[in-house]
Protein backbone atom coordinates (compact mmCIF):
# COMPACT_ATOMS: atom_id res chain seq x y z
CA UNK A 1 0.00 0.00 0.00
CA UNK A 2 2.85 2.36 0.86
CA UNK A 3 4.74 1.91 -2.41
CA UNK A 4 1.52 1.95 -4.44
CA UNK A 5 0.65 5.35 -2.97
CA UNK A 6 4.16 6.65 -3.66
CA UNK A 7 4.05 5.38 -7.27
CA UNK A 8 0.69 7.06 -7.90
CA UNK A 9 2.12 10.37 -6.71
CA UNK A 10 5.24 10.30 -8.86
CA UNK A 11 3.70 9.04 -12.12
CA UNK A 12 2.27 11.60 -14.58
CA UNK A 13 -1.42 12.35 -14.07
CA UNK A 14 -4.05 10.17 -15.71
CA UNK A 15 -5.25 11.43 -19.08
CA UNK A 16 -2.18 13.56 -19.78
CA UNK A 17 -1.30 11.57 -22.92
CA UNK A 18 -1.52 8.11 -24.45
CA UNK A 19 2.08 7.45 -23.39
CA UNK A 20 1.56 8.43 -19.76
CA UNK A 21 -1.68 6.42 -19.58
CA UNK A 22 0.28 3.36 -20.78
CA UNK A 23 2.93 4.03 -18.13
CA UNK A 24 0.31 4.25 -15.37
CA UNK A 25 -1.51 1.17 -16.70
CA UNK A 26 1.65 -0.93 -16.55
CA UNK A 27 2.84 0.23 -13.13
CA UNK A 28 -0.44 0.48 -11.21
CA UNK A 29 -1.71 -3.02 -11.98
CA UNK A 30 -1.62 -4.84 -8.64
CA UNK A 31 1.84 -6.38 -8.77
CA UNK A 32 3.35 -8.21 -5.81
CA UNK A 33 5.79 -5.32 -5.20
CA UNK A 34 8.40 -7.82 -4.04
CA UNK A 35 11.40 -5.62 -4.86
CA UNK A 36 10.26 -2.43 -3.10
CA UNK A 37 9.15 -4.52 -0.12
CA UNK A 38 12.70 -5.91 0.08
CA UNK A 39 14.03 -2.32 0.05
CA UNK A 40 11.76 -1.47 2.97
CA UNK A 41 12.61 -4.63 4.92
CA UNK A 42 16.38 -4.36 4.42
CA UNK A 43 16.18 -0.72 5.53
CA UNK A 44 14.78 -1.88 8.87
CA UNK A 45 17.91 -3.90 9.68
CA UNK A 46 20.03 -0.94 10.79
CA UNK A 47 19.98 2.75 11.58
CA UNK A 48 18.03 4.04 8.56
CA UNK A 49 15.29 6.62 8.67
CA UNK A 50 12.28 6.97 6.38
CA UNK A 51 14.05 9.82 4.61
CA UNK A 52 14.06 9.05 0.88
CA UNK A 53 12.95 5.47 1.43
CA UNK A 54 9.91 5.74 -0.86
CA UNK A 55 12.14 7.12 -3.64
CA UNK A 56 14.42 4.08 -3.31
CA UNK A 57 11.47 1.66 -3.30
CA UNK A 58 9.80 3.30 -6.31
CA UNK A 59 12.99 3.33 -8.37
CA UNK A 60 13.45 -0.46 -8.26
CA UNK A 61 9.77 -1.08 -9.03
CA UNK A 62 9.86 1.25 -12.04
CA UNK A 63 12.85 -0.66 -13.44
CA UNK A 64 10.98 -3.93 -12.89
CA UNK A 65 7.80 -2.64 -14.57
CA UNK A 66 9.72 -1.36 -17.59
CA UNK A 67 11.31 -4.80 -17.99
CA UNK A 68 7.92 -6.55 -17.84
CA UNK A 69 6.47 -4.36 -20.62
CA UNK A 70 9.36 -5.24 -22.93
CA UNK A 71 9.39 -8.88 -21.78
CA UNK A 72 5.76 -9.29 -22.91
CA UNK A 73 6.27 -7.84 -26.42
CA UNK A 74 5.55 -10.00 -29.51
CA UNK A 75 9.26 -9.93 -30.42
CA UNK A 76 10.14 -11.41 -27.01
CA UNK A 77 7.78 -13.59 -24.96
CA UNK A 78 4.64 -12.56 -26.88
CA UNK A 79 2.35 -12.68 -23.82
CA UNK A 80 -1.23 -11.40 -23.85
CA UNK A 81 -1.78 -11.40 -20.08
CA UNK A 82 0.15 -9.89 -17.19
CA UNK A 83 -1.18 -9.98 -13.63
CA UNK A 84 -4.55 -11.09 -14.99
CA UNK A 85 -4.92 -8.10 -17.32
CA UNK A 86 -4.11 -7.52 -21.00
CA UNK A 87 -0.42 -6.73 -21.43
CA UNK A 88 0.54 -3.17 -22.35
CA UNK A 89 0.92 -3.84 -26.08
CA UNK A 90 -2.52 -5.49 -26.13
CA UNK A 91 -4.24 -2.75 -24.09
CA UNK A 92 -2.60 0.00 -26.18
CA UNK A 93 -0.37 -1.03 -29.09
CA UNK A 94 3.16 -2.30 -29.63
CA UNK A 95 4.79 1.06 -30.33
CA UNK A 96 3.18 2.64 -27.28
CA UNK A 97 4.30 -0.29 -25.11
CA UNK A 98 7.91 0.02 -26.27
CA UNK A 99 7.90 3.75 -25.59
CA UNK A 100 6.18 3.34 -22.20
CA UNK A 101 8.97 0.97 -21.16
CA UNK A 102 11.53 3.39 -22.58
CA UNK A 103 10.01 6.16 -20.45
CA UNK A 104 9.82 4.19 -17.20
CA UNK A 105 13.51 3.28 -17.11
CA UNK A 106 14.86 6.87 -17.06
CA UNK A 107 12.02 7.83 -14.69
CA UNK A 108 13.51 5.37 -12.20
CA UNK A 109 16.85 7.17 -12.42
CA UNK A 110 15.32 10.65 -12.21
CA UNK A 111 13.38 9.68 -9.06
CA UNK A 112 16.79 9.13 -7.44
CA UNK A 113 18.75 11.98 -9.03
CA UNK A 114 15.97 14.53 -8.26
CA UNK A 115 15.28 13.26 -4.73
CA UNK A 116 15.42 16.00 -2.10
CA UNK A 117 15.73 13.40 0.68
CA UNK A 118 18.83 11.44 -0.39
CA UNK A 119 22.40 12.70 -0.12
CA UNK A 120 24.69 12.74 -3.16
CA UNK A 121 26.74 9.72 -2.07
CA UNK A 122 23.60 7.61 -1.69
CA UNK A 123 22.29 8.77 -5.07
CA UNK A 124 25.49 7.74 -6.86
CA UNK A 125 25.50 4.31 -5.17
CA UNK A 126 21.85 3.63 -6.06
CA UNK A 127 22.27 4.73 -9.68
CA UNK A 128 25.33 2.47 -10.03
CA UNK A 129 23.44 -0.51 -8.58
CA UNK A 130 20.34 0.02 -10.72
CA UNK A 131 22.22 0.65 -13.96
CA UNK A 132 24.23 -2.54 -13.43
CA UNK A 133 21.21 -4.66 -12.44
CA UNK A 134 19.31 -3.79 -15.63
CA UNK A 135 22.33 -3.57 -17.92
CA UNK A 136 24.00 -5.62 -20.65
CA UNK A 137 25.64 -8.09 -18.25
CA UNK A 138 22.62 -8.60 -16.00
CA UNK A 139 18.90 -8.26 -16.78
CA UNK A 140 19.25 -7.63 -20.52
CA UNK A 141 21.74 -10.48 -21.06
CA UNK A 142 19.53 -12.78 -18.97
CA UNK A 143 16.55 -11.91 -21.15
CA UNK A 144 18.64 -12.50 -24.27
CA UNK A 145 19.61 -15.96 -23.05
CA UNK A 146 16.01 -16.71 -22.04
CA UNK A 147 14.82 -15.99 -25.59
CA UNK A 148 17.55 -17.71 -27.57
CA UNK A 149 18.63 -20.69 -25.41
CA UNK A 150 16.80 -23.70 -26.83
CA UNK A 151 19.04 -26.75 -26.33
CA UNK A 152 19.94 -28.49 -23.09
CA UNK A 153 22.17 -26.49 -20.75
CA UNK A 154 23.74 -27.23 -17.38
CA UNK A 155 22.12 -26.31 -14.08
CA UNK A 156 24.89 -23.79 -13.47
CA UNK A 157 24.20 -22.12 -16.82
CA UNK A 158 20.47 -22.00 -16.08
CA UNK A 159 21.18 -20.52 -12.63
CA UNK A 160 23.43 -17.89 -14.21
CA UNK A 161 20.73 -16.94 -16.73
CA UNK A 162 18.11 -16.49 -14.03
CA UNK A 163 20.47 -14.67 -11.68
CA UNK A 164 21.06 -12.20 -14.48
CA UNK A 165 17.43 -11.87 -15.55
CA UNK A 166 15.73 -11.89 -12.13
CA UNK A 167 18.24 -12.14 -9.30
CA UNK A 168 20.38 -9.05 -9.94
CA UNK A 169 17.52 -6.59 -9.39
CA UNK A 170 16.38 -8.50 -6.29
CA UNK A 171 19.95 -8.35 -4.93
CA UNK A 172 20.16 -4.65 -5.81
CA UNK A 173 16.89 -3.98 -3.94
CA UNK A 174 18.25 -5.62 -0.80
CA UNK A 175 21.62 -3.89 -1.01
CA UNK A 176 20.04 -0.48 -1.58
CA UNK A 177 17.92 -0.98 1.54
CA UNK A 178 20.92 -2.30 3.47
CA UNK A 179 23.13 0.63 2.45
CA UNK A 180 20.35 2.98 3.49
CA UNK A 181 20.46 1.28 6.90
CA UNK A 182 24.26 1.81 7.12
CA UNK A 183 24.94 -1.93 7.39
CA UNK A 184 28.55 -3.10 7.38
CA UNK A 185 30.09 -5.02 4.48
CA UNK A 186 29.60 -8.46 6.07
CA UNK A 187 25.87 -7.82 6.43
CA UNK A 188 25.63 -6.44 2.89
CA UNK A 189 27.33 -9.61 1.61
CA UNK A 190 24.88 -11.71 3.62
CA UNK A 191 21.98 -9.80 2.05
CA UNK A 192 23.42 -10.44 -1.41
CA UNK A 193 23.72 -14.16 -0.69
CA UNK A 194 20.13 -14.18 0.56
CA UNK A 195 18.99 -12.23 -2.52
CA UNK A 196 20.69 -14.61 -4.94
CA UNK A 197 19.00 -17.63 -3.34
CA UNK A 198 15.50 -16.16 -3.15
CA UNK A 199 15.92 -14.89 -6.72
CA UNK A 200 16.58 -18.42 -7.94
CA UNK A 201 13.81 -19.86 -5.75
CA UNK A 202 11.42 -17.23 -7.13
CA UNK A 203 12.26 -18.27 -10.70
CA UNK A 204 11.89 -21.99 -9.98
CA UNK A 205 8.48 -21.38 -8.39
CA UNK A 206 7.52 -19.27 -11.41
CA UNK A 207 8.43 -22.18 -13.71
CA UNK A 208 6.34 -24.53 -11.56
CA UNK A 209 3.37 -22.13 -11.52
CA UNK A 210 3.48 -22.03 -15.34
CA UNK A 211 2.79 -25.77 -15.36
CA UNK A 212 0.47 -26.22 -12.37
CA UNK A 213 -1.58 -23.03 -11.96
CA UNK A 214 -4.49 -22.03 -14.21
CA UNK A 215 -4.57 -18.57 -15.75
CA UNK A 216 -7.16 -17.43 -13.17
CA UNK A 217 -4.58 -18.02 -10.41
CA UNK A 218 -1.27 -17.08 -12.07
CA UNK A 219 -2.57 -14.10 -14.06
CA UNK A 220 -0.85 -15.29 -17.25
CA UNK A 221 -1.42 -17.99 -19.86
CA UNK A 222 -0.90 -21.47 -18.40
CA UNK A 223 1.80 -23.54 -20.08
CA UNK A 224 3.24 -20.62 -22.05
CA UNK A 225 6.82 -21.72 -21.28
CA UNK A 226 6.12 -25.20 -22.68
CA UNK A 227 4.51 -23.76 -25.83
CA UNK A 228 7.56 -21.56 -26.41
CA UNK A 229 9.93 -24.49 -25.65
CA UNK A 230 11.72 -22.43 -23.03
CA UNK A 231 14.51 -23.93 -20.93
CA UNK A 232 13.03 -24.13 -17.43
CA UNK A 233 13.92 -25.94 -14.21
CA UNK A 234 11.11 -28.54 -14.57
CA UNK A 235 12.18 -29.22 -18.17
CA UNK A 236 15.81 -29.64 -17.09
CA UNK A 237 15.43 -31.70 -13.89
CA UNK A 238 11.70 -32.52 -13.61
CA UNK A 239 8.89 -31.11 -11.48
CA UNK A 240 9.64 -32.95 -8.22
CA UNK A 241 13.36 -32.10 -8.29
CA UNK A 242 12.47 -28.47 -9.04
CA UNK A 243 10.16 -28.29 -6.01
CA UNK A 244 12.88 -29.83 -3.83
CA UNK A 245 15.51 -27.37 -5.03
CA UNK A 246 13.21 -24.38 -4.50
CA UNK A 247 12.57 -25.54 -0.93
CA UNK A 248 16.31 -25.94 -0.27
CA UNK A 249 17.05 -22.47 -1.62
CA UNK A 250 14.30 -20.93 0.49
CA UNK A 251 15.59 -22.67 3.62
């Protein structure tokens, strides 16, 4: 509720333009808000204040939402549903969806750079973390591998792909919160280890949901990974082994 309220305030007003309506549509659509919640929770581990905390939480969610818009495009995963609603390119059109994603990414950076609550050192750290997490060697490379990897790969290679695509932004969310709480390096490293494991567990559970959960529960087309012949954990090691590994990672 807290991050939803903050996002509503920072996004352009409804009805301003077709572009801004597409931005609002894609951000304010009842997501789990996992990443901003991790920012908030990690910030509670030390001596942080609420000063600038909503800016930090919103920035990671805006990056995530931009990535989902592009992830759903016909040239990528070609999904028609996201969180139980038509995807941005279906609700609007493909060009508008691309541009809405293009607009949300720099908005995430400007939320930080224009913040009146964060000091300059914190701003630089956050911008470095976010730009790496969604860059060529992290989220974008992970998405590239997800689209074009068709043959059998090793578990380590699959883990690396999902750490890049999903885990890096989760780890960045935790570290941003931890840095805001003035945690020492050992605790930051512990948060990163935690983030890497829950990032992988999150992806495994997502692969399982694709097989087991109907569209009414998951909010997206059931079996879409199988139709697209994607390399997933269940495809690589089977459903039971995937559930076991997710449980071990969570523990």
